Amino acid sequence: MGESSYDENELPLKNKCVWLWTTLATDYDGSVYPCCAHTSFSNAKGYGILNADNNSKQIKKFWNSEYSKEMKKIHVEEGRAPIDICSRCPRKSISFEF
């Protein structure tokens, strides 16, 4: 059984999502992700893991990481489809135009 509980034929792949520019999500183990959907899907790549020292510096580092920048660039230029986790996201309402 898969993780999705939605019709994959109705995914909002053309909708751009603001979460990459406004949100960070943290999992139980300190893993930092671009949004809460990343914590829900297995094997989604995160930005890294927070440790007890210099959390604010680490968050800035994750926010400005090459991985973060690349995800944003792909999202703007090509949409959700090329990003595995984004291509499976059913959320429609949090979108905007660039």
N, C-alpha and C. Protein backbone atom coordinates (compact mmCIF):
# COMPACT_ATOMS: atom_id res chain seq x y z
N MET A 1 0.84 -1.19 0.00
CA MET A 1 0.00 0.00 0.00
C MET A 1 0.87 1.24 0.00
N GLY A 2 0.58 2.21 -0.83
CA GLY A 2 1.36 3.44 -0.92
C GLY A 2 1.00 4.43 0.17
N GLU A 3 1.73 5.54 0.19
CA GLU A 3 1.51 6.56 1.20
C GLU A 3 0.41 7.54 0.83
N SER A 4 0.04 7.58 -0.43
CA SER A 4 -0.92 8.59 -0.85
C SER A 4 -2.36 8.14 -0.58
N SER A 5 -3.20 9.10 -0.22
CA SER A 5 -4.61 8.83 -0.02
C SER A 5 -5.42 9.76 -0.92
N TYR A 6 -4.91 10.05 -2.08
CA TYR A 6 -5.52 10.98 -3.02
C TYR A 6 -5.36 10.41 -4.41
N ASP A 7 -6.11 10.95 -5.33
CA ASP A 7 -6.04 10.53 -6.73
C ASP A 7 -4.82 11.18 -7.39
N GLU A 8 -3.83 10.39 -7.72
CA GLU A 8 -2.60 10.92 -8.30
C GLU A 8 -2.83 11.60 -9.64
N ASN A 9 -3.94 11.32 -10.29
CA ASN A 9 -4.26 11.98 -11.57
C ASN A 9 -4.73 13.41 -11.37
N GLU A 10 -5.03 13.77 -10.13
CA GLU A 10 -5.54 15.11 -9.84
C GLU A 10 -4.55 15.97 -9.05
N LEU A 11 -3.29 15.62 -9.07
CA LEU A 11 -2.28 16.40 -8.34
C LEU A 11 -2.11 17.78 -8.98
N PRO A 12 -1.95 18.81 -8.17
CA PRO A 12 -1.84 20.18 -8.69
C PRO A 12 -0.43 20.53 -9.15
N LEU A 13 0.09 19.83 -10.12
CA LEU A 13 1.48 20.00 -10.55
C LEU A 13 1.77 21.36 -11.15
N LYS A 14 0.76 22.07 -11.61
CA LYS A 14 0.98 23.39 -12.19
C LYS A 14 0.97 24.49 -11.13
N ASN A 15 0.42 24.20 -9.96
CA ASN A 15 0.40 25.18 -8.87
C ASN A 15 1.79 25.34 -8.29
N LYS A 16 2.20 26.58 -8.15
CA LYS A 16 3.47 26.86 -7.47
C LYS A 16 3.17 27.02 -5.99
N CYS A 17 4.08 26.56 -5.17
CA CYS A 17 3.86 26.54 -3.72
C CYS A 17 4.78 27.53 -3.01
N VAL A 18 4.23 28.30 -2.11
CA VAL A 18 4.98 29.33 -1.39
C VAL A 18 5.84 28.74 -0.26
N TRP A 19 5.63 27.51 0.11
CA TRP A 19 6.30 26.96 1.29
C TRP A 19 7.82 26.96 1.19
N LEU A 20 8.36 26.79 0.00
CA LEU A 20 9.82 26.79 -0.13
C LEU A 20 10.44 28.13 0.24
N TRP A 21 9.64 29.19 0.20
CA TRP A 21 10.13 30.54 0.50
C TRP A 21 9.71 31.04 1.88
N THR A 22 8.86 30.29 2.57
CA THR A 22 8.32 30.79 3.84
C THR A 22 8.42 29.84 5.02
N THR A 23 8.77 28.59 4.79
CA THR A 23 8.63 27.58 5.84
C THR A 23 9.86 26.69 5.96
N LEU A 24 10.12 26.27 7.17
CA LEU A 24 11.02 25.14 7.46
C LEU A 24 10.26 24.25 8.43
N ALA A 25 10.38 22.97 8.29
CA ALA A 25 9.75 22.02 9.20
C ALA A 25 10.83 21.19 9.87
N THR A 26 10.61 20.87 11.13
CA THR A 26 11.58 20.06 11.88
C THR A 26 10.91 18.78 12.34
N ASP A 27 11.58 17.68 12.14
CA ASP A 27 11.07 16.38 12.55
C ASP A 27 11.52 16.07 13.98
N TYR A 28 11.03 14.98 14.53
CA TYR A 28 11.32 14.58 15.91
C TYR A 28 12.81 14.44 16.21
N ASP A 29 13.61 14.12 15.20
CA ASP A 29 15.03 13.88 15.42
C ASP A 29 15.90 15.10 15.10
N GLY A 30 15.27 16.24 14.82
CA GLY A 30 16.02 17.45 14.50
C GLY A 30 16.26 17.64 13.02
N SER A 31 15.78 16.74 12.20
CA SER A 31 15.92 16.88 10.75
C SER A 31 15.12 18.09 10.28
N VAL A 32 15.71 18.87 9.39
CA VAL A 32 15.07 20.08 8.88
C VAL A 32 14.69 19.86 7.42
N TYR A 33 13.43 20.20 7.10
CA TYR A 33 12.88 19.99 5.77
C TYR A 33 12.27 21.27 5.22
N PRO A 34 12.05 21.35 3.90
CA PRO A 34 11.45 22.52 3.28
C PRO A 34 10.00 22.78 3.71
N CYS A 35 9.26 21.72 4.04
CA CYS A 35 7.87 21.89 4.46
C CYS A 35 7.42 20.66 5.23
N CYS A 36 6.23 20.73 5.78
CA CYS A 36 5.74 19.62 6.60
C CYS A 36 5.48 18.36 5.77
N ALA A 37 5.23 18.48 4.49
CA ALA A 37 5.01 17.30 3.66
C ALA A 37 6.25 16.42 3.63
N HIS A 38 7.42 17.03 3.72
CA HIS A 38 8.65 16.25 3.71
C HIS A 38 8.74 15.32 4.92
N THR A 39 8.17 15.73 6.04
CA THR A 39 8.22 14.88 7.22
C THR A 39 7.22 13.74 7.11
N SER A 40 6.24 13.86 6.22
CA SER A 40 5.20 12.84 6.07
C SER A 40 5.56 11.74 5.09
N PHE A 41 6.38 12.04 4.12
CA PHE A 41 6.76 11.06 3.12
C PHE A 41 8.09 10.42 3.49
N SER A 42 8.19 9.13 3.30
CA SER A 42 9.45 8.46 3.62
C SER A 42 10.49 8.74 2.53
N ASN A 43 11.73 8.76 2.91
CA ASN A 43 12.88 8.92 2.03
C ASN A 43 12.98 10.29 1.36
N ALA A 44 12.32 11.29 1.89
CA ALA A 44 12.45 12.64 1.33
C ALA A 44 13.73 13.26 1.88
N LYS A 45 14.49 13.86 1.00
CA LYS A 45 15.76 14.47 1.40
C LYS A 45 15.49 15.75 2.18
N GLY A 46 16.18 15.89 3.29
CA GLY A 46 16.06 17.10 4.10
C GLY A 46 17.27 18.00 3.91
N TYR A 47 17.24 19.14 4.57
CA TYR A 47 18.35 20.09 4.51
C TYR A 47 19.49 19.69 5.43
N GLY A 48 19.19 18.95 6.48
CA GLY A 48 20.20 18.56 7.45
C GLY A 48 19.57 18.30 8.80
N ILE A 49 20.40 18.14 9.82
CA ILE A 49 19.92 17.86 11.17
C ILE A 49 20.46 18.91 12.13
N LEU A 50 19.56 19.50 12.90
CA LEU A 50 19.97 20.48 13.91
C LEU A 50 20.68 19.77 15.05
N ASN A 51 21.69 20.42 15.59
CA ASN A 51 22.27 19.92 16.83
C ASN A 51 22.11 21.02 17.88
N ALA A 52 22.52 20.77 19.08
CA ALA A 52 22.26 21.68 20.20
C ALA A 52 23.03 23.00 20.10
N ASP A 53 24.07 23.07 19.32
CA ASP A 53 24.90 24.27 19.24
C ASP A 53 24.51 25.16 18.07
N ASN A 54 24.35 26.43 18.32
CA ASN A 54 24.14 27.44 17.27
C ASN A 54 22.98 27.15 16.34
N ASN A 55 21.81 26.87 16.90
CA ASN A 55 20.64 26.55 16.06
C ASN A 55 20.33 27.64 15.05
N SER A 56 20.43 28.91 15.46
CA SER A 56 20.08 29.98 14.53
C SER A 56 21.04 30.03 13.33
N LYS A 57 22.31 29.77 13.57
CA LYS A 57 23.27 29.73 12.46
C LYS A 57 23.02 28.54 11.56
N GLN A 58 22.64 27.42 12.15
CA GLN A 58 22.36 26.23 11.35
C GLN A 58 21.13 26.45 10.48
N ILE A 59 20.10 27.06 11.04
CA ILE A 59 18.88 27.31 10.27
C ILE A 59 19.18 28.21 9.09
N LYS A 60 19.96 29.25 9.31
CA LYS A 60 20.36 30.15 8.21
C LYS A 60 21.14 29.36 7.15
N LYS A 61 22.00 28.47 7.60
CA LYS A 61 22.79 27.65 6.68
C LYS A 61 21.87 26.74 5.84
N PHE A 62 20.89 26.11 6.49
CA PHE A 62 19.96 25.25 5.77
C PHE A 62 19.13 26.08 4.79
N TRP A 63 18.64 27.23 5.23
CA TRP A 63 17.79 28.09 4.41
C TRP A 63 18.51 28.55 3.15
N ASN A 64 19.81 28.81 3.28
CA ASN A 64 20.60 29.33 2.16
C ASN A 64 21.45 28.25 1.47
N SER A 65 21.18 27.00 1.75
CA SER A 65 21.98 25.91 1.19
C SER A 65 21.79 25.79 -0.32
N GLU A 66 22.73 25.16 -0.96
CA GLU A 66 22.63 24.92 -2.40
C GLU A 66 21.41 24.07 -2.72
N TYR A 67 21.12 23.10 -1.86
CA TYR A 67 19.94 22.24 -2.07
C TYR A 67 18.66 23.08 -2.03
N SER A 68 18.56 23.97 -1.07
CA SER A 68 17.40 24.85 -0.96
C SER A 68 17.27 25.74 -2.20
N LYS A 69 18.37 26.33 -2.61
CA LYS A 69 18.36 27.21 -3.78
C LYS A 69 17.98 26.44 -5.04
N GLU A 70 18.49 25.22 -5.17
CA GLU A 70 18.20 24.41 -6.34
C GLU A 70 16.72 24.02 -6.39
N MET A 71 16.15 23.64 -5.23
CA MET A 71 14.73 23.31 -5.20
C MET A 71 13.88 24.50 -5.63
N LYS A 72 14.23 25.68 -5.13
CA LYS A 72 13.47 26.89 -5.49
C LYS A 72 13.59 27.19 -6.98
N LYS A 73 14.78 27.07 -7.50
CA LYS A 73 15.01 27.33 -8.92
C LYS A 73 14.20 26.38 -9.80
N ILE A 74 14.26 25.10 -9.48
CA ILE A 74 13.49 24.11 -10.24
C ILE A 74 12.01 24.41 -10.15
N HIS A 75 11.55 24.73 -8.95
CA HIS A 75 10.13 25.00 -8.73
C HIS A 75 9.65 26.18 -9.59
N VAL A 76 10.45 27.23 -9.66
CA VAL A 76 10.09 28.41 -10.45
C VAL A 76 10.14 28.10 -11.95
N GLU A 77 11.20 27.44 -12.39
CA GLU A 77 11.41 27.24 -13.82
C GLU A 77 10.61 26.08 -14.41
N GLU A 78 10.42 25.01 -13.62
CA GLU A 78 9.80 23.81 -14.16
C GLU A 78 8.55 23.34 -13.43
N GLY A 79 8.27 23.93 -12.28
CA GLY A 79 7.11 23.51 -11.50
C GLY A 79 7.42 22.39 -10.53
N ARG A 80 6.40 21.76 -10.04
CA ARG A 80 6.52 20.72 -9.01
C ARG A 80 7.03 19.38 -9.53
N ALA A 81 6.70 19.04 -10.74
CA ALA A 81 6.93 17.69 -11.26
C ALA A 81 8.37 17.17 -11.11
N PRO A 82 9.42 17.94 -11.37
CA PRO A 82 10.77 17.40 -11.27
C PRO A 82 11.24 17.12 -9.83
N ILE A 83 10.56 17.68 -8.84
CA ILE A 83 10.95 17.48 -7.44
C ILE A 83 10.09 16.37 -6.87
N ASP A 84 10.69 15.25 -6.54
CA ASP A 84 9.95 14.06 -6.14
C ASP A 84 8.87 14.36 -5.10
N ILE A 85 9.25 14.94 -4.01
CA ILE A 85 8.29 15.17 -2.93
C ILE A 85 7.19 16.14 -3.37
N CYS A 86 7.54 17.18 -4.10
CA CYS A 86 6.56 18.17 -4.56
C CYS A 86 5.62 17.57 -5.60
N SER A 87 6.12 16.65 -6.40
CA SER A 87 5.30 16.04 -7.44
C SER A 87 4.22 15.14 -6.85
N ARG A 88 4.37 14.73 -5.61
CA ARG A 88 3.39 13.87 -4.96
C ARG A 88 2.50 14.63 -3.97
N CYS A 89 2.70 15.94 -3.86
CA CYS A 89 1.97 16.74 -2.88
C CYS A 89 0.58 17.09 -3.39
N PRO A 90 -0.45 16.79 -2.62
CA PRO A 90 -1.82 17.08 -3.06
C PRO A 90 -2.32 18.48 -2.71
N ARG A 91 -1.52 19.27 -2.01
CA ARG A 91 -1.99 20.59 -1.57
C ARG A 91 -2.18 21.54 -2.75
N LYS A 92 -3.34 22.19 -2.79
CA LYS A 92 -3.68 23.10 -3.87
C LYS A 92 -3.77 24.55 -3.39
N SER A 93 -4.18 24.77 -2.19
CA SER A 93 -4.58 26.10 -1.75
C SER A 93 -3.41 27.04 -1.45
N ILE A 94 -2.24 26.52 -1.23
CA ILE A 94 -1.12 27.39 -0.90
C ILE A 94 -0.28 27.57 -2.16
N SER A 95 -0.74 28.46 -3.00
CA SER A 95 -0.04 28.71 -4.25
C SER A 95 0.03 30.20 -4.52
N PHE A 96 0.92 30.58 -5.41
CA PHE A 96 1.06 31.98 -5.78
C PHE A 96 1.69 32.08 -7.15
N GLU A 97 1.67 33.25 -7.72
CA GLU A 97 2.29 33.48 -9.02
C GLU A 97 3.59 34.23 -8.84
N PHE A 98 4.58 33.91 -9.64
CA PHE A 98 5.88 34.58 -9.58
C PHE A 98 5.89 35.78 -10.49
